[in-house]
């Protein structure tokens, strides 16, 4: 099974420790895997350019198909577009 290499691009102009303290990812970054995430409420998350649904508490779930490409791009933009 091909392992995934995720390119995490966090859309921030200035990065603080608080930004990363609110971002959690847990799961299997592999084909057929699921990843549970938590971000600051109001953030925008995209996976390979597609918007990911986020709860009001900032939780989301992403899944990788069994035939998924070997690379994926996860982008997290903090509230306010920073």
Protein backbone atom coordinates (compact mmCIF):
# COMPACT_ATOMS: atom_id res chain seq x y z
CA UNK A 1 0.00 0.00 0.00
CA UNK A 2 1.33 3.39 -0.93
CA UNK A 3 1.91 5.72 2.02
CA UNK A 4 0.58 9.23 1.74
CA UNK A 5 2.75 12.28 2.02
CA UNK A 6 0.56 15.20 2.98
CA UNK A 7 1.67 18.70 2.25
CA UNK A 8 0.25 20.86 5.01
CA UNK A 9 -0.07 24.44 3.96
CA UNK A 10 -1.46 26.65 6.66
CA UNK A 11 -2.65 29.93 5.17
CA UNK A 12 -1.20 32.29 7.70
CA UNK A 13 0.67 35.53 7.29
CA UNK A 14 2.00 35.44 10.83
CA UNK A 15 2.15 32.20 12.72
CA UNK A 16 1.74 32.02 16.49
CA UNK A 17 1.90 29.11 18.93
CA UNK A 18 -1.87 29.49 19.48
CA UNK A 19 -2.50 28.68 15.81
CA UNK A 20 -0.90 25.27 16.08
CA UNK A 21 -2.28 24.59 19.56
CA UNK A 22 -5.82 24.50 18.11
CA UNK A 23 -4.95 22.20 15.18
CA UNK A 24 -5.03 18.46 15.85
CA UNK A 25 -4.91 15.59 13.34
CA UNK A 26 -5.27 11.93 14.28
CA UNK A 27 -5.73 8.89 12.07
CA UNK A 28 -4.26 6.88 9.24
CA UNK A 29 -2.73 8.88 6.43
CA UNK A 30 -2.84 5.89 4.07
CA UNK A 31 -5.02 4.58 1.27
CA UNK A 32 -8.32 3.58 2.85
CA UNK A 33 -7.51 5.62 5.97
CA UNK A 34 -9.59 8.07 8.00
CA UNK A 35 -8.27 11.18 9.72
CA UNK A 36 -10.09 13.06 12.47
CA UNK A 37 -9.20 16.73 12.78
CA UNK A 38 -9.84 19.70 15.02
CA UNK A 39 -9.14 23.31 14.06
CA UNK A 40 -10.09 26.71 15.44
CA UNK A 41 -13.86 27.12 14.95
CA UNK A 42 -14.51 29.20 11.83
CA UNK A 43 -11.39 27.94 10.02
CA UNK A 44 -11.59 26.76 6.41
CA UNK A 45 -10.13 23.36 5.50
CA UNK A 46 -9.62 22.03 1.98
CA UNK A 47 -8.26 18.71 0.79
CA UNK A 48 -6.93 18.72 -2.77
CA UNK A 49 -8.87 21.94 -3.43
CA UNK A 50 -12.22 20.59 -2.16
CA UNK A 51 -13.87 22.23 0.85
CA UNK A 52 -14.10 19.97 3.91
CA UNK A 53 -17.21 20.25 6.13
CA UNK A 54 -16.43 21.43 9.66
CA UNK A 55 -18.70 21.36 12.71
CA UNK A 56 -19.36 24.48 14.79
CA UNK A 57 -16.79 23.16 17.28
CA UNK A 58 -14.10 22.95 14.57
CA UNK A 59 -14.14 19.16 14.08
CA UNK A 60 -13.87 17.41 10.72
CA UNK A 61 -13.25 14.02 9.14
CA UNK A 62 -11.39 13.23 5.94
CA UNK A 63 -11.07 9.86 4.26
CA UNK A 64 -8.77 8.47 1.59
CA UNK A 65 -10.11 6.03 -0.97
CA UNK A 66 -8.38 2.71 -1.48
CA UNK A 67 -7.24 3.96 -4.91
CA UNK A 68 -6.28 7.46 -3.73
CA UNK A 69 -3.25 9.20 -5.21
CA UNK A 70 0.02 8.92 -3.27
CA UNK A 71 0.04 12.67 -2.43
CA UNK A 72 -2.65 14.95 -1.02
CA UNK A 73 -2.67 18.63 -0.09
CA UNK A 74 -4.43 19.73 3.10
CA UNK A 75 -4.86 23.50 3.50
CA UNK A 76 -6.04 25.06 6.77
CA UNK A 77 -6.94 28.77 6.78
CA UNK A 78 -7.60 30.41 10.13
CA UNK A 79 -10.76 32.52 10.64
CA UNK A 80 -10.56 35.98 9.12
CA UNK A 81 -8.56 34.78 6.12
CA UNK A 82 -5.20 35.08 7.89
